Amino acid sequence: MREYHTQMEAAKKGIITPEMKIVAEKEYIDPEELRALVAKGEVAIPCNINHKAISPEGIGTRMRTKINVNLGISGDAKDYEKEMQKVELAHKFGAEAIMDLSNYGKTNKFRTELIAKSPAMIGTVPMYDAIGYLEKDLLEITAEDFLKVVRAHAEEGVDFMTIHAGINRRAVEAFRREGRIMNIVSRGGSLLFAWMMMTGNENPFYEHYDEVLDILREYDCTISLGDALRPGCIDDATDAGQISELIELGHLTQRAWEKDVQVMVEGPGHMAMNEIEANMRLQKRICHNAPFYVLGPVVTDIFPGYDHITTAIGGAIAAASGADFLCYVTPAEHLRLPDVNDVKEGIIASKIAAHAADIAKGVPHARDKDNAMAEARHRVEWEDMFKIAVDPEKAREYFESTPPADRHTCSMCGKMCAVRTTNLILEGKTVEFCSEK
């Protein structure tokens, strides 16, 4: 029988859990140091007691930057087989988390299959599933109904849930008073805003927050405090609505920790590069150094079709400035449900941002593979380069598409390869071009 309900409760009691031992080994950190960080809430280990296939990961202070892959069906694209192909890609390229954002019909069959087979953390937004799960229109759903969906997801084994508890009446007042170009772009946030306006009631996840926490504590499900008022364009960034909600999230973080529920806090959104570092520091201060989970940020609004790049730029700056968890964005963002190729491009872009940030932050052993790649390039050993590459198939495909006459070069420089030239000189050999065959 476990002596604790959650990882945080165990940490506060001085217990190093099996999950903490696994994470400590992955992160090259002493288990006791990790336990102390979990006890303070600076590291979360989202790990539902019913998710048996999980390979635990830590998110937060001194941890590697993690990435999340969003997938799931919609009313216009409801092929679960294609979604499972995206799951396989996420596993192949080492995404630490997968969020099922399905918003059409009965979604639990796909989700339970996903939880049964996936070593990655699984996240959901129960608000998305409420209408399909309950078979009610938005106005007919009660606060108790919303809690039923939270419990159902927790029972299934979901490791973390995005709950938009911070968009209460105070935050809405700040948002409406100032005004915005894009208003609310969070799907879950917009549904809650609509429900609040139509019913005249307070946000049910805020009003019944203690009951939400009791459910999550029972299954050791981490709460990811959603940013319903995140900016949807760079001109809306760091406005009164965003900051007002962030203040509420800081208070909700403390309330969750009091009940031993692990917390992540979600952040922007769209934001110009010069505002990102300040936002990361502000969130960490207001939310008591809880792990920070960011979407992007998208650093410019005029490149639809390339938003995996605009968010990789923002994500790298954010993670280097303190963000702990990056939500990937695909080239299909703002345009359509992503296909399998879009998902791959999004994963790779997000992995680039996370890894670049880990190098900048001095995460232990973050440079190891980069140094190994440099050594392989110094020796012009293509097979070693392909093995080290995150996407070896693409690297090999590019190299072989225009094969060089000399396998110790590539078709860009040929025999004028700088590495080859320098190696020959340092080996005491003569560099010749015209006489070489």
Protein backbone atom coordinates (compact mmCIF):
# COMPACT_ATOMS: atom_id res chain seq x y z
CA MET A 1 0.00 0.00 0.00
CA ARG A 2 1.38 3.41 -0.99
CA GLU A 3 2.10 5.80 1.86
CA TYR A 4 1.11 8.76 -0.32
CA HIS A 5 -1.42 9.85 -2.94
CA THR A 6 0.77 12.07 -5.09
CA GLN A 7 4.39 12.61 -5.96
CA MET A 8 4.24 15.93 -4.14
CA GLU A 9 2.83 14.39 -0.96
CA ALA A 10 5.57 11.74 -1.01
CA ALA A 11 8.24 14.41 -1.52
CA LYS A 12 6.92 16.46 1.40
CA LYS A 13 7.09 13.33 3.58
CA GLY A 14 10.72 12.73 2.60
CA ILE A 15 9.89 9.73 0.40
CA ILE A 16 11.82 9.19 -2.84
CA THR A 17 9.37 7.42 -5.13
CA PRO A 18 10.28 4.93 -7.89
CA GLU A 19 9.29 7.64 -10.41
CA MET A 20 11.64 10.14 -8.79
CA LYS A 21 14.50 7.63 -9.04
CA ILE A 22 13.85 7.18 -12.77
CA VAL A 23 13.69 10.94 -13.38
CA ALA A 24 16.82 11.58 -11.30
CA GLU A 25 18.76 9.11 -13.42
CA LYS A 26 17.51 10.65 -16.66
CA GLU A 27 18.36 14.16 -15.50
CA TYR A 28 21.75 13.45 -13.85
CA ILE A 29 20.51 14.84 -10.53
CA ASP A 30 20.76 13.43 -7.01
CA PRO A 31 17.41 11.82 -6.04
CA GLU A 32 17.31 13.77 -2.79
CA GLU A 33 17.77 17.07 -4.64
CA LEU A 34 14.95 16.10 -6.99
CA ARG A 35 12.71 15.15 -4.07
CA ALA A 36 13.25 18.61 -2.55
CA LEU A 37 12.32 20.30 -5.85
CA VAL A 38 9.14 18.20 -6.14
CA ALA A 39 8.21 19.04 -2.55
CA LYS A 40 8.50 22.77 -3.34
CA GLY A 41 6.51 22.43 -6.56
CA GLU A 42 9.42 23.54 -8.74
CA VAL A 43 9.41 20.16 -10.50
CA ALA A 44 6.32 18.19 -11.51
CA ILE A 45 6.36 14.50 -12.41
CA PRO A 46 2.98 14.02 -14.14
CA CYS A 47 2.27 10.33 -13.61
CA ASN A 48 -1.33 9.15 -13.13
CA ILE A 49 -1.55 5.98 -11.02
CA ASN A 50 -3.59 4.36 -13.81
CA HIS A 51 -1.08 5.06 -16.60
CA LYS A 52 0.94 1.85 -16.39
CA ALA A 53 2.92 2.27 -19.64
CA ILE A 54 4.44 5.64 -18.74
CA SER A 55 8.15 6.40 -18.62
CA PRO A 56 8.19 9.16 -15.97
CA GLU A 57 9.60 12.57 -16.82
CA GLY A 58 10.33 15.64 -14.72
CA ILE A 59 9.27 19.13 -15.78
CA GLY A 60 10.72 22.23 -14.15
CA THR A 61 13.83 23.53 -12.41
CA ARG A 62 17.11 21.81 -13.49
CA MET A 63 15.25 19.49 -15.85
CA ARG A 64 15.70 19.17 -19.61
CA THR A 65 13.17 21.19 -21.61
CA LYS A 66 10.32 18.85 -22.55
CA ILE A 67 8.01 19.02 -25.57
CA ASN A 68 4.35 18.18 -26.08
CA VAL A 69 2.62 16.99 -29.25
CA ASN A 70 -1.04 17.92 -29.76
CA LEU A 71 -3.28 15.59 -31.76
CA GLY A 72 -6.88 14.37 -31.88
CA ILE A 73 -9.86 14.42 -34.18
CA SER A 74 -12.33 17.15 -35.08
CA GLY A 75 -15.73 17.15 -36.74
CA ASP A 76 -14.08 17.78 -40.12
CA ALA A 77 -11.24 15.25 -39.71
CA LYS A 78 -12.17 12.19 -37.67
CA ASP A 79 -9.77 9.42 -38.70
CA TYR A 80 -8.32 7.87 -35.53
CA GLU A 81 -5.96 5.69 -37.58
CA LYS A 82 -4.19 8.83 -38.78
CA GLU A 83 -4.02 10.11 -35.22
CA MET A 84 -2.29 6.88 -34.17
CA GLN A 85 0.29 7.45 -36.92
CA LYS A 86 0.98 10.83 -35.32
CA VAL A 87 1.36 9.08 -31.95
CA GLU A 88 4.01 6.79 -33.44
CA LEU A 89 5.90 9.81 -34.78
CA ALA A 90 5.79 11.45 -31.36
CA HIS A 91 7.28 8.32 -29.82
CA LYS A 92 9.90 7.96 -32.56
CA PHE A 93 11.27 11.47 -32.11
CA GLY A 94 11.19 11.44 -28.33
CA ALA A 95 8.30 13.76 -27.47
CA GLU A 96 7.82 13.51 -23.73
CA ALA A 97 4.10 14.34 -23.79
CA ILE A 98 1.07 13.90 -26.01
CA MET A 99 -2.17 15.83 -25.58
CA ASP A 100 -5.38 14.34 -26.96
CA LEU A 101 -7.40 17.40 -27.98
CA SER A 102 -10.18 15.48 -29.72
CA ASN A 103 -13.37 17.53 -29.74
CA TYR A 104 -15.86 15.41 -31.65
CA GLY A 105 -18.04 12.49 -30.54
CA LYS A 106 -17.03 9.90 -27.96
CA THR A 107 -13.29 10.26 -27.51
CA ASN A 108 -12.59 7.87 -24.64
CA LYS A 109 -11.91 4.77 -26.81
CA PHE A 110 -8.98 6.49 -28.53
CA ARG A 111 -7.73 7.99 -25.29
CA THR A 112 -7.77 4.70 -23.35
CA GLU A 113 -5.88 3.00 -26.20
CA LEU A 114 -3.37 5.85 -26.19
CA ILE A 115 -2.86 5.60 -22.43
CA ALA A 116 -2.48 1.82 -22.61
CA LYS A 117 0.39 1.95 -25.13
CA SER A 118 2.15 5.29 -24.69
CA PRO A 119 5.30 5.80 -22.59
CA ALA A 120 4.79 9.56 -23.01
CA MET A 121 2.77 11.65 -20.55
CA ILE A 122 -0.83 12.05 -21.71
CA GLY A 123 -2.69 15.31 -21.32
CA THR A 124 -6.23 16.45 -22.10
CA VAL A 125 -8.50 19.48 -21.89
CA PRO A 126 -11.71 18.10 -20.32
CA MET A 127 -13.62 21.19 -21.48
CA TYR A 128 -13.17 20.05 -25.10
CA ASP A 129 -14.72 16.68 -24.35
CA ALA A 130 -17.64 17.92 -22.26
CA ILE A 131 -20.20 18.36 -25.04
CA GLY A 132 -19.48 15.01 -26.72
CA TYR A 133 -19.14 13.12 -23.42
CA LEU A 134 -22.31 14.54 -21.87
CA GLU A 135 -24.31 14.85 -25.12
CA LYS A 136 -25.57 18.25 -24.00
CA ASP A 137 -25.37 21.70 -25.51
CA LEU A 138 -23.12 24.20 -23.74
CA LEU A 139 -25.95 26.12 -22.02
CA GLU A 140 -27.38 22.89 -20.59
CA ILE A 141 -24.13 21.78 -18.94
CA THR A 142 -23.91 22.29 -15.18
CA ALA A 143 -20.91 22.77 -12.93
CA GLU A 144 -21.41 19.20 -11.68
CA ASP A 145 -21.33 17.98 -15.28
CA PHE A 146 -17.93 19.56 -15.85
CA LEU A 147 -16.58 17.79 -12.75
CA LYS A 148 -17.89 14.45 -14.10
CA VAL A 149 -15.72 14.85 -17.19
CA VAL A 150 -12.66 15.70 -15.08
CA ARG A 151 -13.20 12.54 -13.03
CA ALA A 152 -13.71 10.40 -16.14
CA HIS A 153 -10.40 11.57 -17.64
CA ALA A 154 -8.57 11.05 -14.34
CA GLU A 155 -9.94 7.53 -14.00
CA GLU A 156 -8.79 6.69 -17.53
CA GLY A 157 -5.19 7.52 -16.60
CA VAL A 158 -4.63 11.04 -17.96
CA ASP A 159 -1.39 12.42 -16.45
CA PHE A 160 -2.14 16.13 -16.70
CA MET A 161 -5.23 18.17 -17.49
CA THR A 162 -5.50 21.70 -18.73
CA ILE A 163 -8.07 23.37 -16.50
CA HIS A 164 -8.92 27.00 -17.29
CA ALA A 165 -9.66 27.96 -13.68
CA GLY A 166 -8.08 31.42 -13.87
CA ILE A 167 -10.62 33.05 -16.16
CA ASN A 168 -12.87 34.16 -13.32
CA ARG A 169 -15.04 37.26 -13.14
CA ARG A 170 -12.11 39.49 -12.11
CA ALA A 171 -9.98 38.38 -15.06
CA VAL A 172 -12.91 38.74 -17.47
CA GLU A 173 -13.53 42.27 -16.21
CA ALA A 174 -9.91 43.25 -16.95
CA PHE A 175 -10.10 41.65 -20.41
CA ARG A 176 -13.37 43.40 -21.33
CA ARG A 177 -12.31 46.77 -19.93
CA GLU A 178 -9.12 46.98 -21.98
CA GLY A 179 -10.26 45.30 -25.20
CA ARG A 180 -8.20 43.37 -27.72
CA ILE A 181 -7.76 42.77 -31.42
CA MET A 182 -8.12 38.99 -31.16
CA ASN A 183 -10.22 38.71 -27.98
CA ILE A 184 -10.06 35.10 -26.68
CA VAL A 185 -8.24 32.51 -28.83
CA SER A 186 -8.14 29.67 -26.30
CA ARG A 187 -10.77 27.12 -27.36
CA GLY A 188 -11.42 25.98 -23.79
CA GLY A 189 -11.26 29.54 -22.52
CA SER A 190 -13.77 30.77 -25.09
CA LEU A 191 -16.23 28.00 -24.20
CA LEU A 192 -15.98 28.85 -20.50
CA PHE A 193 -16.33 32.56 -21.25
CA ALA A 194 -19.44 31.84 -23.32
CA TRP A 195 -20.87 29.60 -20.55
CA MET A 196 -20.23 32.30 -17.93
CA MET A 197 -21.82 35.02 -20.06
CA MET A 198 -24.86 32.92 -20.99
CA THR A 199 -25.54 31.61 -17.48
CA GLY A 200 -24.38 34.59 -15.43
CA ASN A 201 -22.41 32.19 -13.23
CA GLU A 202 -18.81 32.17 -12.05
CA ASN A 203 -16.31 29.90 -13.85
CA PRO A 204 -17.24 26.43 -12.49
CA PHE A 205 -13.59 25.32 -12.35
CA TYR A 206 -12.80 28.37 -10.20
CA GLU A 207 -15.92 28.17 -8.04
CA HIS A 208 -15.47 24.42 -7.42
CA TYR A 209 -11.67 24.41 -7.51
CA ASP A 210 -11.30 22.43 -4.29
CA GLU A 211 -13.47 19.65 -5.72
CA VAL A 212 -11.36 19.60 -8.89
CA LEU A 213 -8.22 19.28 -6.78
CA ASP A 214 -9.72 16.44 -4.74
CA ILE A 215 -10.35 14.46 -7.95
CA LEU A 216 -6.85 15.12 -9.30
CA ARG A 217 -5.21 14.22 -5.99
CA GLU A 218 -6.98 10.86 -5.92
CA TYR A 219 -5.28 9.78 -9.17
CA ASP A 220 -2.09 11.86 -8.91
CA CYS A 221 -3.09 13.83 -11.99
CA THR A 222 -1.19 17.10 -12.45
CA ILE A 223 -3.18 20.27 -13.03
CA SER A 224 -1.98 22.39 -15.92
CA LEU A 225 -3.49 25.79 -15.23
CA GLY A 226 -4.65 26.95 -18.65
CA ASP A 227 -4.16 30.48 -19.92
CA ALA A 228 -7.60 31.24 -21.33
CA LEU A 229 -6.60 34.87 -21.89
CA ARG A 230 -3.32 34.19 -23.67
CA PRO A 231 -2.61 36.68 -26.46
CA GLY A 232 -3.70 35.56 -29.92
CA CYS A 233 -1.61 38.15 -31.76
CA ILE A 234 1.55 40.01 -30.88
CA ASP A 235 -0.37 43.27 -30.31
CA ASP A 236 -2.39 41.68 -27.47
CA ALA A 237 0.65 40.39 -25.57
CA THR A 238 1.32 41.37 -21.95
CA ASP A 239 -2.00 43.20 -21.62
CA ALA A 240 -4.26 43.57 -18.60
CA GLY A 241 -6.27 40.44 -19.40
CA GLN A 242 -3.21 38.21 -19.66
CA ILE A 243 -1.60 39.59 -16.49
CA SER A 244 -4.87 39.62 -14.53
CA GLU A 245 -5.36 35.91 -15.27
CA LEU A 246 -1.72 35.18 -14.43
CA ILE A 247 -2.21 36.70 -10.97
CA GLU A 248 -5.18 34.36 -10.45
CA LEU A 249 -3.08 31.40 -11.61
CA GLY A 250 -0.41 32.23 -9.04
CA HIS A 251 -2.99 31.99 -6.25
CA LEU A 252 -4.48 28.79 -7.69
CA THR A 253 -0.99 27.27 -7.81
CA GLN A 254 -0.58 27.71 -4.08
CA ARG A 255 -4.03 26.28 -3.38
CA ALA A 256 -3.18 23.17 -5.40
CA TRP A 257 0.13 22.69 -3.61
CA GLU A 258 -1.67 22.90 -0.25
CA LYS A 259 -3.59 19.80 -1.37
CA ASP A 260 -0.41 18.08 -2.66
CA VAL A 261 -1.55 18.38 -6.28
CA GLN A 262 1.29 18.99 -8.75
CA VAL A 263 1.00 22.09 -10.92
CA MET A 264 2.14 23.41 -14.28
CA VAL A 265 1.18 26.89 -15.44
CA GLU A 266 0.47 27.61 -19.10
CA GLY A 267 1.66 30.73 -20.87
CA PRO A 268 1.51 32.74 -24.10
CA GLY A 269 0.65 32.62 -26.99
CA HIS A 270 1.71 35.26 -29.50
CA MET A 271 4.44 37.66 -28.37
CA ALA A 272 7.21 39.78 -29.87
CA MET A 273 10.72 38.52 -29.15
CA ASN A 274 11.65 41.47 -26.96
CA GLU A 275 8.82 40.69 -24.50
CA ILE A 276 9.49 36.97 -24.01
CA GLU A 277 12.22 37.01 -21.36
CA ALA A 278 10.32 39.48 -19.17
CA ASN A 279 7.18 37.35 -19.41
CA MET A 280 9.06 34.22 -18.37
CA ARG A 281 10.51 35.98 -15.34
CA LEU A 282 7.13 37.49 -14.44
CA GLN A 283 5.39 34.13 -14.58
CA LYS A 284 8.04 32.45 -12.44
CA ARG A 285 7.73 35.21 -9.84
CA ILE A 286 3.94 35.40 -9.72
CA CYS A 287 3.47 31.61 -9.89
CA HIS A 288 6.13 30.79 -7.28
CA ASN A 289 8.55 29.10 -9.71
CA ALA A 290 6.02 26.46 -10.79
CA PRO A 291 6.91 24.70 -14.06
CA PHE A 292 5.97 26.88 -17.03
CA TYR A 293 4.34 25.37 -20.14
CA VAL A 294 4.29 27.65 -23.20
CA LEU A 295 2.62 27.53 -26.61
CA GLY A 296 5.29 29.06 -28.81
CA PRO A 297 5.40 31.96 -28.31
CA VAL A 298 4.60 32.86 -31.92
CA VAL A 299 6.91 35.82 -32.60
CA THR A 300 5.21 37.20 -35.73
CA ASP A 301 1.70 36.84 -37.15
CA ILE A 302 2.27 36.96 -40.93
CA PHE A 303 3.78 33.55 -41.76
CA PRO A 304 0.89 31.05 -41.93
CA GLY A 305 2.31 27.79 -43.23
CA TYR A 306 5.59 28.44 -41.37
CA ASP A 307 4.42 28.79 -37.78
CA HIS A 308 6.53 25.82 -36.72
CA ILE A 309 9.45 28.18 -37.38
CA THR A 310 7.94 31.30 -35.76
CA THR A 311 7.24 29.26 -32.62
CA ALA A 312 10.62 27.50 -32.60
CA ILE A 313 12.23 30.94 -32.45
CA GLY A 314 9.94 31.99 -29.61
CA GLY A 315 10.21 28.64 -27.85
CA ALA A 316 14.01 28.71 -27.84
CA ILE A 317 14.05 32.20 -26.30
CA ALA A 318 11.33 31.24 -23.80
CA ALA A 319 13.05 28.04 -22.67
CA ALA A 320 16.44 29.74 -22.41
CA SER A 321 14.72 32.38 -20.24
CA GLY A 322 13.05 29.92 -17.88
CA ALA A 323 10.18 28.07 -19.59
CA ASP A 324 10.24 24.34 -18.87
CA PHE A 325 7.84 22.74 -21.34
CA LEU A 326 7.15 23.63 -24.98
CA CYS A 327 3.95 22.83 -26.83
CA TYR A 328 4.81 22.09 -30.43
CA VAL A 329 3.22 23.99 -33.29
CA THR A 330 2.99 22.63 -36.84
CA PRO A 331 3.05 24.35 -40.27
CA ALA A 332 -0.75 23.84 -40.29
CA GLU A 333 -1.32 26.14 -37.30
CA HIS A 334 -4.09 28.68 -37.99
CA LEU A 335 -4.96 26.80 -41.20
CA ARG A 336 -6.20 23.21 -40.69
CA LEU A 337 -5.89 20.04 -38.65
CA PRO A 338 -2.25 18.95 -39.14
CA ASP A 339 -1.48 15.83 -41.17
CA VAL A 340 1.31 13.37 -40.40
CA ASN A 341 3.96 15.39 -42.27
CA ASP A 342 2.91 18.56 -40.46
CA VAL A 343 3.25 16.75 -37.14
CA LYS A 344 6.78 15.63 -37.96
CA GLU A 345 7.83 19.15 -38.93
CA GLY A 346 6.29 20.51 -35.73
CA ILE A 347 8.03 17.94 -33.53
CA ILE A 348 11.44 18.55 -35.08
CA ALA A 349 11.09 22.35 -34.83
CA SER A 350 10.11 22.07 -31.17
CA LYS A 351 12.95 19.63 -30.43
CA ILE A 352 15.39 22.12 -31.98
CA ALA A 353 14.09 24.89 -29.72
CA ALA A 354 14.19 22.73 -26.58
CA HIS A 355 17.67 21.37 -27.26
CA ALA A 356 19.12 24.76 -28.15
CA ALA A 357 17.72 26.16 -24.91
CA ASP A 358 19.16 23.27 -22.88
CA ILE A 359 22.60 24.02 -24.30
CA ALA A 360 22.17 27.69 -23.39
CA LYS A 361 21.02 26.80 -19.85
CA GLY A 362 23.93 24.42 -19.30
CA VAL A 363 21.74 21.36 -18.72
CA PRO A 364 24.05 18.42 -17.84
CA HIS A 365 25.22 16.50 -20.93
CA ALA A 366 23.10 18.65 -23.28
CA ARG A 367 26.17 19.22 -25.51
CA ASP A 368 27.28 15.59 -25.66
CA LYS A 369 25.64 14.71 -28.98
CA ASP A 370 26.63 18.04 -30.53
CA ASN A 371 30.25 17.34 -29.62
CA ALA A 372 29.96 13.83 -31.04
CA MET A 373 28.56 15.27 -34.27
CA ALA A 374 31.43 17.77 -34.48
CA GLU A 375 33.90 14.91 -34.06
CA ALA A 376 32.21 12.87 -36.79
CA ARG A 377 32.21 15.88 -39.13
CA HIS A 378 35.89 16.47 -38.38
CA ARG A 379 36.55 12.88 -39.52
CA VAL A 380 34.07 13.26 -42.43
CA GLU A 381 32.42 9.99 -41.34
CA TRP A 382 28.98 10.12 -42.87
CA GLU A 383 27.60 6.97 -41.24
CA ASP A 384 28.50 8.29 -37.80
CA MET A 385 26.87 11.63 -38.63
CA PHE A 386 23.65 9.89 -39.68
CA LYS A 387 23.57 7.83 -36.45
CA ILE A 388 23.93 10.95 -34.30
CA ALA A 389 21.37 13.02 -36.24
CA VAL A 390 17.90 13.37 -34.68
CA ASP A 391 16.37 12.60 -38.08
CA PRO A 392 18.92 10.26 -39.75
CA GLU A 393 16.57 9.33 -42.61
CA LYS A 394 16.26 12.92 -43.79
CA ALA A 395 19.99 13.59 -43.41
CA ARG A 396 20.84 10.49 -45.47
CA GLU A 397 18.21 11.31 -48.09
CA TYR A 398 19.68 14.80 -48.61
CA PHE A 399 23.24 13.50 -48.82
CA GLU A 400 22.39 10.71 -51.26
CA SER A 401 20.16 12.87 -53.48
CA THR A 402 23.28 14.44 -55.06
CA PRO A 403 26.09 12.01 -54.20
CA PRO A 404 29.64 13.40 -54.35
CA ALA A 405 32.35 11.83 -56.46
CA ASP A 406 34.51 11.61 -53.34
CA ARG A 407 32.66 10.12 -50.33
CA HIS A 408 34.92 12.12 -48.02
CA THR A 409 33.17 15.33 -49.10
CA CYS A 410 29.63 16.41 -50.01
CA SER A 411 28.34 17.83 -53.29
CA MET A 412 28.37 21.39 -51.94
CA CYS A 413 32.15 21.90 -51.84
CA GLY A 414 33.51 18.69 -53.34
CA LYS A 415 37.28 18.54 -53.07
CA MET A 416 37.32 22.15 -51.87
CA CYS A 417 35.79 21.01 -48.59
CA ALA A 418 37.34 23.14 -45.83
CA VAL A 419 37.45 20.23 -43.40
CA ARG A 420 39.18 17.97 -45.93
CA THR A 421 41.69 20.70 -46.88
CA THR A 422 42.62 21.47 -43.28
CA ASN A 423 42.87 17.79 -42.35
CA LEU A 424 45.26 17.13 -45.25
CA ILE A 425 47.51 20.06 -44.31
CA LEU A 426 47.59 19.07 -40.63
CA GLU A 427 48.51 15.51 -41.70
CA GLY A 428 51.52 16.93 -43.59
CA LYS A 429 50.04 16.25 -47.02
CA THR A 430 49.84 18.46 -50.11
CA VAL A 431 46.48 19.82 -51.29
CA GLU A 432 46.06 19.44 -55.05
CA PHE A 433 42.97 19.85 -57.21
CA CYS A 434 43.89 19.86 -60.90
CA SER A 435 46.07 16.77 -60.80
CA GLU A 436 43.64 14.70 -58.73
CA LYS A 437 41.46 12.22 -60.49
